[in-house]
Amino acid sequence: MKQLAGRPEKLFSGAFRQQYGALCFRYTNPGAETDHPEIEVLVVTTRDSRRWIIPKGWPMKKKKPHEAAATEAWEEAGVRGTVSKQPVGRYTYLKELDDGDVVPCIVDIFQIEVAHTQEQFREVGQRVLDWVSPDEAARRVRELELKSLLVDFRPRSGKGQRKKKG
């Protein structure tokens, strides 16, 4: 919201545009008997400004929100796994469009427990990918609400999740 507050004319110039994001994570100590499993989350760079974000994108025809988030994770980072059907959070930011216009966006975030990674995917070579701790991910991203979500992130149990086909 701080980013939006710096451009108040954008807050009131129209509706927020919807996007869907993927908070991709993996356990660093699978099978370890602990009450506090360690995780890493995936951050990627944007194609143009090279700032750190999570995979995200616009709604897709004939896809539910969690399916669109899973598709973005695959296209932007080459990861697949179990995706939550319900969002684990949301954040806002200002997106600069190709024509130079800036629009406010709200991103609903769906967690994906990554099961598979591929070296070849749609946007390979266009982005940098890195697996980091949630705290490090929070340090890298710019959006304050996303920072908070990353620091506080605890994977939800398998209830309400489904395997992403593909």
N, C-alpha and C. Protein backbone atom coordinates (compact mmCIF):
# COMPACT_ATOMS: atom_id res chain seq x y z
N MET A 1 0.82 -1.19 0.00
CA MET A 1 0.00 0.00 0.00
C MET A 1 0.86 1.25 0.00
N LYS A 2 2.04 1.18 0.60
CA LYS A 2 2.92 2.35 0.61
C LYS A 2 3.23 2.79 -0.81
N GLN A 3 3.47 1.82 -1.69
CA GLN A 3 3.74 2.13 -3.09
C GLN A 3 2.53 2.84 -3.70
N LEU A 4 1.34 2.38 -3.36
CA LEU A 4 0.14 3.00 -3.88
C LEU A 4 -0.06 4.39 -3.29
N ALA A 5 0.26 4.57 -2.01
CA ALA A 5 0.10 5.86 -1.36
C ALA A 5 0.98 6.92 -2.00
N GLY A 6 2.09 6.51 -2.57
CA GLY A 6 2.99 7.44 -3.24
C GLY A 6 2.44 7.93 -4.57
N ARG A 7 1.42 7.29 -5.08
CA ARG A 7 0.78 7.68 -6.35
C ARG A 7 -0.73 7.73 -6.13
N PRO A 8 -1.21 8.67 -5.29
CA PRO A 8 -2.64 8.66 -4.91
C PRO A 8 -3.59 8.75 -6.08
N GLU A 9 -3.18 9.39 -7.17
CA GLU A 9 -4.08 9.50 -8.32
C GLU A 9 -4.41 8.12 -8.89
N LYS A 10 -3.50 7.16 -8.72
CA LYS A 10 -3.73 5.81 -9.25
C LYS A 10 -4.69 5.02 -8.37
N LEU A 11 -4.76 5.38 -7.09
CA LEU A 11 -5.67 4.68 -6.18
C LEU A 11 -7.13 4.93 -6.54
N PHE A 12 -7.41 6.11 -7.06
CA PHE A 12 -8.79 6.51 -7.26
C PHE A 12 -9.15 6.67 -8.73
N SER A 13 -8.30 6.20 -9.61
CA SER A 13 -8.54 6.39 -11.04
C SER A 13 -9.25 5.20 -11.68
N GLY A 14 -9.60 4.22 -10.92
CA GLY A 14 -10.30 3.07 -11.49
C GLY A 14 -10.17 1.88 -10.57
N ALA A 15 -10.77 0.79 -11.00
CA ALA A 15 -10.77 -0.42 -10.19
C ALA A 15 -9.40 -1.08 -10.19
N PHE A 16 -9.15 -1.80 -9.12
CA PHE A 16 -7.94 -2.62 -9.06
C PHE A 16 -8.07 -3.73 -10.09
N ARG A 17 -6.99 -4.09 -10.71
CA ARG A 17 -6.97 -5.22 -11.63
C ARG A 17 -6.55 -6.46 -10.86
N GLN A 18 -7.15 -7.58 -11.18
CA GLN A 18 -6.90 -8.84 -10.47
C GLN A 18 -5.74 -9.60 -11.09
N GLN A 19 -4.89 -10.15 -10.23
CA GLN A 19 -3.86 -11.08 -10.66
C GLN A 19 -3.83 -12.24 -9.67
N TYR A 20 -3.15 -13.32 -10.08
CA TYR A 20 -3.00 -14.49 -9.23
C TYR A 20 -1.53 -14.84 -9.13
N GLY A 21 -1.07 -15.08 -7.90
CA GLY A 21 0.33 -15.38 -7.66
C GLY A 21 0.51 -16.75 -7.05
N ALA A 22 1.74 -17.27 -7.19
CA ALA A 22 2.09 -18.59 -6.67
C ALA A 22 3.20 -18.44 -5.64
N LEU A 23 2.90 -18.80 -4.40
CA LEU A 23 3.93 -18.85 -3.37
C LEU A 23 4.43 -20.29 -3.37
N CYS A 24 5.49 -20.51 -4.11
CA CYS A 24 6.05 -21.86 -4.29
C CYS A 24 7.03 -22.15 -3.16
N PHE A 25 6.88 -23.31 -2.54
CA PHE A 25 7.78 -23.66 -1.44
C PHE A 25 8.17 -25.12 -1.53
N ARG A 26 9.25 -25.44 -0.82
CA ARG A 26 9.69 -26.83 -0.68
C ARG A 26 10.30 -26.99 0.71
N TYR A 27 10.22 -28.22 1.20
CA TYR A 27 10.82 -28.52 2.50
C TYR A 27 12.31 -28.78 2.30
N THR A 28 13.13 -28.21 3.17
CA THR A 28 14.57 -28.42 3.07
C THR A 28 15.01 -29.64 3.87
N ASN A 29 14.13 -30.12 4.75
CA ASN A 29 14.45 -31.29 5.56
C ASN A 29 13.31 -32.32 5.48
N PRO A 30 12.99 -32.78 4.26
CA PRO A 30 11.87 -33.71 4.13
C PRO A 30 12.11 -34.98 4.94
N GLY A 31 11.06 -35.43 5.60
CA GLY A 31 11.17 -36.65 6.38
C GLY A 31 11.75 -36.45 7.77
N ALA A 32 12.27 -35.28 8.05
CA ALA A 32 12.83 -35.02 9.38
C ALA A 32 11.70 -34.97 10.40
N GLU A 33 11.93 -35.57 11.53
CA GLU A 33 10.92 -35.58 12.57
C GLU A 33 11.08 -34.32 13.40
N THR A 34 10.29 -33.32 13.06
CA THR A 34 10.35 -32.05 13.76
C THR A 34 9.00 -31.37 13.70
N ASP A 35 8.72 -30.56 14.70
CA ASP A 35 7.48 -29.80 14.71
C ASP A 35 7.61 -28.52 13.88
N HIS A 36 8.83 -28.18 13.50
CA HIS A 36 9.09 -26.95 12.76
C HIS A 36 9.89 -27.25 11.50
N PRO A 37 9.24 -27.82 10.49
CA PRO A 37 9.98 -28.12 9.27
C PRO A 37 10.48 -26.83 8.61
N GLU A 38 11.67 -26.92 8.06
CA GLU A 38 12.27 -25.77 7.39
C GLU A 38 11.82 -25.76 5.94
N ILE A 39 11.57 -24.56 5.44
CA ILE A 39 11.15 -24.43 4.05
C ILE A 39 12.00 -23.38 3.33
N GLU A 40 11.98 -23.50 2.02
CA GLU A 40 12.52 -22.46 1.14
C GLU A 40 11.38 -22.04 0.23
N VAL A 41 11.39 -20.78 -0.16
CA VAL A 41 10.40 -20.29 -1.11
C VAL A 41 11.12 -19.84 -2.37
N LEU A 42 10.39 -19.88 -3.46
CA LEU A 42 10.94 -19.52 -4.76
C LEU A 42 10.65 -18.06 -5.07
N VAL A 43 11.70 -17.33 -5.40
CA VAL A 43 11.54 -15.97 -5.91
C VAL A 43 12.12 -15.93 -7.32
N VAL A 44 11.54 -15.09 -8.15
CA VAL A 44 11.99 -14.94 -9.53
C VAL A 44 12.13 -13.45 -9.82
N THR A 45 12.92 -13.12 -10.82
CA THR A 45 13.01 -11.72 -11.21
C THR A 45 11.99 -11.42 -12.30
N THR A 46 11.60 -10.16 -12.36
CA THR A 46 10.76 -9.73 -13.47
C THR A 46 11.61 -9.71 -14.73
N ARG A 47 10.96 -9.77 -15.85
CA ARG A 47 11.71 -9.80 -17.11
C ARG A 47 12.34 -8.46 -17.44
N ASP A 48 11.69 -7.37 -17.09
CA ASP A 48 12.20 -6.06 -17.47
C ASP A 48 13.07 -5.40 -16.40
N SER A 49 12.49 -5.14 -15.24
CA SER A 49 13.24 -4.40 -14.21
C SER A 49 14.17 -5.28 -13.38
N ARG A 50 14.00 -6.59 -13.47
CA ARG A 50 14.83 -7.56 -12.75
C ARG A 50 14.67 -7.47 -11.23
N ARG A 51 13.55 -6.93 -10.77
CA ARG A 51 13.32 -6.94 -9.33
C ARG A 51 12.72 -8.29 -8.94
N TRP A 52 12.87 -8.64 -7.66
CA TRP A 52 12.42 -9.94 -7.17
C TRP A 52 10.93 -9.92 -6.88
N ILE A 53 10.25 -11.00 -7.31
CA ILE A 53 8.81 -11.18 -7.10
C ILE A 53 8.54 -12.66 -6.91
N ILE A 54 7.27 -13.01 -6.74
CA ILE A 54 6.84 -14.40 -6.85
C ILE A 54 6.16 -14.55 -8.21
N PRO A 55 6.08 -15.76 -8.76
CA PRO A 55 5.39 -15.93 -10.04
C PRO A 55 3.94 -15.45 -9.93
N LYS A 56 3.50 -14.68 -10.91
CA LYS A 56 2.13 -14.16 -10.89
C LYS A 56 1.73 -13.73 -12.28
N GLY A 57 0.42 -13.56 -12.47
CA GLY A 57 -0.05 -13.12 -13.77
C GLY A 57 -1.55 -12.86 -13.76
N TRP A 58 -2.05 -12.57 -14.93
CA TRP A 58 -3.45 -12.21 -15.12
C TRP A 58 -4.35 -13.44 -15.08
N PRO A 59 -5.66 -13.23 -14.83
CA PRO A 59 -6.61 -14.34 -14.94
C PRO A 59 -6.55 -14.97 -16.33
N MET A 60 -6.90 -16.25 -16.39
CA MET A 60 -6.85 -16.98 -17.66
C MET A 60 -8.23 -17.57 -17.94
N LYS A 61 -8.65 -17.45 -19.20
CA LYS A 61 -9.95 -18.00 -19.60
C LYS A 61 -9.98 -19.50 -19.31
N LYS A 62 -11.12 -19.94 -18.80
CA LYS A 62 -11.38 -21.35 -18.53
C LYS A 62 -10.49 -21.93 -17.43
N LYS A 63 -9.81 -21.07 -16.65
CA LYS A 63 -9.00 -21.57 -15.53
C LYS A 63 -9.47 -20.90 -14.24
N LYS A 64 -9.57 -21.70 -13.20
CA LYS A 64 -9.87 -21.17 -11.88
C LYS A 64 -8.65 -20.41 -11.38
N PRO A 65 -8.83 -19.53 -10.39
CA PRO A 65 -7.70 -18.75 -9.89
C PRO A 65 -6.49 -19.58 -9.48
N HIS A 66 -6.71 -20.67 -8.74
CA HIS A 66 -5.56 -21.48 -8.31
C HIS A 66 -4.89 -22.17 -9.50
N GLU A 67 -5.66 -22.48 -10.53
CA GLU A 67 -5.08 -23.08 -11.74
C GLU A 67 -4.24 -22.06 -12.51
N ALA A 68 -4.71 -20.81 -12.54
CA ALA A 68 -3.93 -19.75 -13.20
C ALA A 68 -2.61 -19.53 -12.46
N ALA A 69 -2.65 -19.55 -11.13
CA ALA A 69 -1.42 -19.38 -10.34
C ALA A 69 -0.44 -20.52 -10.64
N ALA A 70 -0.95 -21.74 -10.71
CA ALA A 70 -0.09 -22.89 -11.01
C ALA A 70 0.50 -22.78 -12.41
N THR A 71 -0.28 -22.29 -13.36
CA THR A 71 0.22 -22.10 -14.72
C THR A 71 1.34 -21.07 -14.74
N GLU A 72 1.17 -19.97 -14.00
CA GLU A 72 2.22 -18.95 -13.93
C GLU A 72 3.50 -19.53 -13.33
N ALA A 73 3.37 -20.35 -12.29
CA ALA A 73 4.55 -20.97 -11.68
C ALA A 73 5.29 -21.84 -12.69
N TRP A 74 4.54 -22.55 -13.50
CA TRP A 74 5.16 -23.40 -14.52
C TRP A 74 5.82 -22.56 -15.60
N GLU A 75 5.11 -21.58 -16.13
CA GLU A 75 5.64 -20.78 -17.24
C GLU A 75 6.83 -19.92 -16.82
N GLU A 76 6.77 -19.34 -15.62
CA GLU A 76 7.82 -18.41 -15.18
C GLU A 76 8.99 -19.09 -14.49
N ALA A 77 8.76 -20.29 -13.92
CA ALA A 77 9.81 -20.90 -13.11
C ALA A 77 10.01 -22.39 -13.33
N GLY A 78 9.16 -23.04 -14.10
CA GLY A 78 9.34 -24.46 -14.37
C GLY A 78 9.08 -25.35 -13.19
N VAL A 79 8.13 -24.96 -12.32
CA VAL A 79 7.82 -25.77 -11.15
C VAL A 79 6.37 -26.23 -11.19
N ARG A 80 6.15 -27.44 -10.66
CA ARG A 80 4.80 -28.01 -10.53
C ARG A 80 4.70 -28.65 -9.15
N GLY A 81 3.47 -28.72 -8.67
CA GLY A 81 3.26 -29.35 -7.38
C GLY A 81 1.82 -29.28 -6.95
N THR A 82 1.60 -29.39 -5.65
CA THR A 82 0.27 -29.37 -5.07
C THR A 82 -0.10 -27.92 -4.79
N VAL A 83 -1.19 -27.48 -5.39
CA VAL A 83 -1.62 -26.08 -5.27
C VAL A 83 -2.85 -25.99 -4.37
N SER A 84 -2.87 -24.99 -3.50
CA SER A 84 -4.04 -24.76 -2.65
C SER A 84 -5.17 -24.16 -3.49
N LYS A 85 -6.39 -24.58 -3.20
CA LYS A 85 -7.54 -24.03 -3.92
C LYS A 85 -7.95 -22.67 -3.37
N GLN A 86 -7.60 -22.42 -2.12
CA GLN A 86 -7.93 -21.15 -1.48
C GLN A 86 -6.67 -20.30 -1.34
N PRO A 87 -6.79 -18.99 -1.52
CA PRO A 87 -5.61 -18.13 -1.37
C PRO A 87 -5.10 -18.14 0.07
N VAL A 88 -3.79 -18.00 0.21
CA VAL A 88 -3.17 -17.91 1.54
C VAL A 88 -2.91 -16.46 1.91
N GLY A 89 -3.21 -15.55 1.01
CA GLY A 89 -3.03 -14.13 1.27
C GLY A 89 -3.21 -13.33 0.00
N ARG A 90 -2.98 -12.02 0.13
CA ARG A 90 -3.07 -11.13 -1.03
C ARG A 90 -2.21 -9.91 -0.78
N TYR A 91 -1.82 -9.26 -1.86
CA TYR A 91 -1.09 -8.00 -1.73
C TYR A 91 -1.44 -7.10 -2.90
N THR A 92 -1.11 -5.83 -2.75
CA THR A 92 -1.38 -4.85 -3.79
C THR A 92 -0.07 -4.25 -4.28
N TYR A 93 -0.09 -3.78 -5.52
CA TYR A 93 1.07 -3.09 -6.07
C TYR A 93 0.64 -2.33 -7.31
N LEU A 94 1.52 -1.47 -7.80
CA LEU A 94 1.27 -0.75 -9.04
C LEU A 94 2.03 -1.42 -10.17
N LYS A 95 1.33 -1.78 -11.21
CA LYS A 95 1.95 -2.44 -12.37
C LYS A 95 2.08 -1.45 -13.52
N GLU A 96 3.28 -1.39 -14.07
CA GLU A 96 3.48 -0.57 -15.26
C GLU A 96 3.19 -1.44 -16.48
N LEU A 97 2.25 -0.99 -17.29
CA LEU A 97 1.86 -1.72 -18.48
C LEU A 97 2.81 -1.41 -19.64
N ASP A 98 2.71 -2.20 -20.70
CA ASP A 98 3.58 -2.02 -21.86
C ASP A 98 3.48 -0.63 -22.47
N ASP A 99 2.29 -0.01 -22.36
CA ASP A 99 2.10 1.32 -22.93
C ASP A 99 2.57 2.44 -22.00
N GLY A 100 3.14 2.07 -20.84
CA GLY A 100 3.65 3.06 -19.89
C GLY A 100 2.64 3.46 -18.83
N ASP A 101 1.38 3.10 -19.01
CA ASP A 101 0.37 3.41 -18.01
C ASP A 101 0.64 2.57 -16.76
N VAL A 102 0.19 3.07 -15.62
CA VAL A 102 0.37 2.37 -14.35
C VAL A 102 -1.01 2.08 -13.78
N VAL A 103 -1.25 0.81 -13.39
CA VAL A 103 -2.55 0.42 -12.85
C VAL A 103 -2.36 -0.28 -11.51
N PRO A 104 -3.30 -0.03 -10.56
CA PRO A 104 -3.23 -0.74 -9.29
C PRO A 104 -3.71 -2.18 -9.47
N CYS A 105 -2.99 -3.12 -8.87
CA CYS A 105 -3.35 -4.54 -8.96
C CYS A 105 -3.46 -5.14 -7.57
N ILE A 106 -4.34 -6.10 -7.46
CA ILE A 106 -4.44 -6.91 -6.25
C ILE A 106 -4.12 -8.35 -6.66
N VAL A 107 -3.23 -8.98 -5.91
CA VAL A 107 -2.75 -10.32 -6.24
C VAL A 107 -3.21 -11.29 -5.15
N ASP A 108 -4.06 -12.25 -5.51
CA ASP A 108 -4.40 -13.34 -4.60
C ASP A 108 -3.32 -14.39 -4.74
N ILE A 109 -2.80 -14.86 -3.59
CA ILE A 109 -1.66 -15.77 -3.59
C ILE A 109 -2.11 -17.18 -3.19
N PHE A 110 -1.67 -18.15 -3.99
CA PHE A 110 -1.96 -19.55 -3.74
C PHE A 110 -0.64 -20.28 -3.47
N GLN A 111 -0.62 -21.08 -2.40
CA GLN A 111 0.61 -21.81 -2.10
C GLN A 111 0.72 -23.03 -3.01
N ILE A 112 1.96 -23.33 -3.40
CA ILE A 112 2.23 -24.54 -4.18
C ILE A 112 3.39 -25.26 -3.52
N GLU A 113 3.13 -26.48 -3.04
CA GLU A 113 4.23 -27.31 -2.54
C GLU A 113 4.86 -27.97 -3.76
N VAL A 114 6.06 -27.54 -4.07
CA VAL A 114 6.71 -27.96 -5.30
C VAL A 114 7.16 -29.41 -5.21
N ALA A 115 6.78 -30.18 -6.21
CA ALA A 115 7.16 -31.59 -6.30
C ALA A 115 8.14 -31.84 -7.43
N HIS A 116 8.06 -31.02 -8.48
CA HIS A 116 8.90 -31.22 -9.67
C HIS A 116 9.42 -29.88 -10.18
N THR A 117 10.66 -29.89 -10.62
CA THR A 117 11.22 -28.72 -11.30
C THR A 117 11.76 -29.17 -12.65
N GLN A 118 11.66 -28.31 -13.62
CA GLN A 118 12.16 -28.59 -14.96
C GLN A 118 13.17 -27.51 -15.34
N GLU A 119 14.16 -27.90 -16.09
CA GLU A 119 15.13 -26.92 -16.56
C GLU A 119 14.65 -26.20 -17.81
N GLN A 120 13.73 -26.79 -18.53
CA GLN A 120 13.18 -26.16 -19.73
C GLN A 120 11.72 -25.78 -19.46
N PHE A 121 11.43 -24.50 -19.61
CA PHE A 121 10.08 -24.00 -19.43
C PHE A 121 9.94 -22.73 -20.26
N ARG A 122 8.73 -22.23 -20.36
CA ARG A 122 8.42 -21.15 -21.30
C ARG A 122 9.34 -19.93 -21.17
N GLU A 123 9.60 -19.45 -19.97
CA GLU A 123 10.36 -18.22 -19.79
C GLU A 123 11.80 -18.46 -19.32
N VAL A 124 12.33 -19.65 -19.56
CA VAL A 124 13.70 -19.94 -19.18
C VAL A 124 14.63 -18.94 -19.86
N GLY A 125 15.61 -18.45 -19.13
CA GLY A 125 16.55 -17.48 -19.66
C GLY A 125 16.07 -16.04 -19.58
N GLN A 126 14.78 -15.84 -19.30
CA GLN A 126 14.24 -14.49 -19.19
C GLN A 126 14.20 -14.00 -17.75
N ARG A 127 14.36 -14.92 -16.81
CA ARG A 127 14.26 -14.60 -15.39
C ARG A 127 15.38 -15.30 -14.64
N VAL A 128 15.71 -14.78 -13.46
CA VAL A 128 16.59 -15.45 -12.53
C VAL A 128 15.70 -16.07 -11.46
N LEU A 129 15.97 -17.32 -11.08
CA LEU A 129 15.21 -18.02 -10.05
C LEU A 129 16.12 -18.28 -8.87
N ASP A 130 15.57 -18.23 -7.66
CA ASP A 130 16.37 -18.53 -6.48
C ASP A 130 15.47 -19.09 -5.39
N TRP A 131 15.94 -20.16 -4.76
CA TRP A 131 15.27 -20.74 -3.59
C TRP A 131 15.93 -20.16 -2.36
N VAL A 132 15.15 -19.51 -1.50
CA VAL A 132 15.69 -18.83 -0.33
C VAL A 132 14.75 -19.02 0.86
N SER A 133 15.22 -18.66 2.04
CA SER A 133 14.37 -18.71 3.22
C SER A 133 13.25 -17.67 3.07
N PRO A 134 12.14 -17.86 3.77
CA PRO A 134 11.09 -16.85 3.72
C PRO A 134 11.59 -15.46 4.14
N ASP A 135 12.47 -15.40 5.13
CA ASP A 135 13.00 -14.10 5.55
C ASP A 135 13.82 -13.45 4.45
N GLU A 136 14.65 -14.24 3.77
CA GLU A 136 15.45 -13.69 2.67
C GLU A 136 14.55 -13.26 1.52
N ALA A 137 13.52 -14.04 1.23
CA ALA A 137 12.58 -13.66 0.18
C ALA A 137 11.93 -12.32 0.52
N ALA A 138 11.56 -12.15 1.79
CA ALA A 138 10.95 -10.89 2.22
C ALA A 138 11.91 -9.72 2.05
N ARG A 139 13.19 -9.95 2.29
CA ARG A 139 14.18 -8.88 2.09
C ARG A 139 14.29 -8.49 0.62
N ARG A 140 14.11 -9.45 -0.26
CA ARG A 140 14.32 -9.19 -1.69
C ARG A 140 13.15 -8.51 -2.39
N VAL A 141 11.93 -8.84 -1.99
CA VAL A 141 10.77 -8.26 -2.69
C VAL A 141 10.54 -6.83 -2.23
N ARG A 142 9.87 -6.06 -3.06
CA ARG A 142 9.66 -4.64 -2.80
C ARG A 142 8.32 -4.37 -2.10
N GLU A 143 7.30 -5.14 -2.41
CA GLU A 143 5.95 -4.87 -1.92
C GLU A 143 5.84 -5.20 -0.43
N LEU A 144 5.43 -4.21 0.37
CA LEU A 144 5.38 -4.37 1.83
C LEU A 144 4.44 -5.48 2.27
N GLU A 145 3.27 -5.55 1.66
CA GLU A 145 2.31 -6.59 2.05
C GLU A 145 2.85 -7.98 1.72
N LEU A 146 3.54 -8.12 0.61
CA LEU A 146 4.14 -9.40 0.24
C LEU A 146 5.27 -9.74 1.21
N LYS A 147 6.06 -8.75 1.61
CA LYS A 147 7.11 -8.98 2.61
C LYS A 147 6.52 -9.60 3.86
N SER A 148 5.43 -9.02 4.35
CA SER A 148 4.78 -9.50 5.56
C SER A 148 4.27 -10.93 5.39
N LEU A 149 3.65 -11.22 4.25
CA LEU A 149 3.16 -12.57 3.98
C LEU A 149 4.30 -13.59 3.97
N LEU A 150 5.41 -13.22 3.38
CA LEU A 150 6.55 -14.14 3.30
C LEU A 150 7.13 -14.42 4.68
N VAL A 151 7.31 -13.39 5.49
CA VAL A 151 7.87 -13.57 6.83
C VAL A 151 6.98 -14.47 7.68
N ASP A 152 5.67 -14.30 7.55
CA ASP A 152 4.71 -15.05 8.37
C ASP A 152 4.27 -16.37 7.75
N PHE A 153 4.74 -16.70 6.56
CA PHE A 153 4.23 -17.87 5.84
C PHE A 153 4.53 -19.18 6.55
N ARG A 154 3.46 -19.96 6.75
CA ARG A 154 3.55 -21.33 7.23
C ARG A 154 2.67 -22.15 6.30
N PRO A 155 3.21 -23.19 5.67
CA PRO A 155 2.40 -23.97 4.74
C PRO A 155 1.14 -24.51 5.40
N ARG A 156 0.05 -24.42 4.68
CA ARG A 156 -1.20 -25.00 5.15
C ARG A 156 -1.19 -26.48 4.87
N SER A 157 -1.95 -27.22 5.65
CA SER A 157 -2.02 -28.67 5.45
C SER A 157 -2.67 -28.99 4.12
N GLY A 158 -2.67 -30.27 3.77
CA GLY A 158 -3.17 -30.72 2.48
C GLY A 158 -4.66 -30.54 2.26
N LYS A 159 -5.41 -30.17 3.30
CA LYS A 159 -6.84 -29.98 3.12
C LYS A 159 -7.10 -28.86 2.12
N GLY A 160 -7.97 -29.14 1.17
CA GLY A 160 -8.32 -28.11 0.20
C GLY A 160 -7.29 -27.95 -0.91
N GLN A 161 -6.37 -28.89 -1.01
CA GLN A 161 -5.36 -28.82 -2.07
C GLN A 161 -5.65 -29.90 -3.09
N ARG A 162 -5.09 -29.71 -4.25
CA ARG A 162 -5.22 -30.72 -5.29
C ARG A 162 -3.92 -30.78 -6.06
N LYS A 163 -3.69 -31.91 -6.67
CA LYS A 163 -2.49 -32.06 -7.49
C LYS A 163 -2.70 -31.32 -8.80
N LYS A 164 -1.73 -30.53 -9.18
CA LYS A 164 -1.75 -29.86 -10.48
C LYS A 164 -1.33 -30.88 -11.52
N LYS A 165 -2.19 -31.08 -12.48
CA LYS A 165 -1.87 -32.05 -13.53
C LYS A 165 -0.86 -31.45 -14.47
N GLY A 166 -0.02 -32.32 -14.99
CA GLY A 166 0.79 -31.77 -16.00
C GLY A 166 2.17 -32.13 -16.09
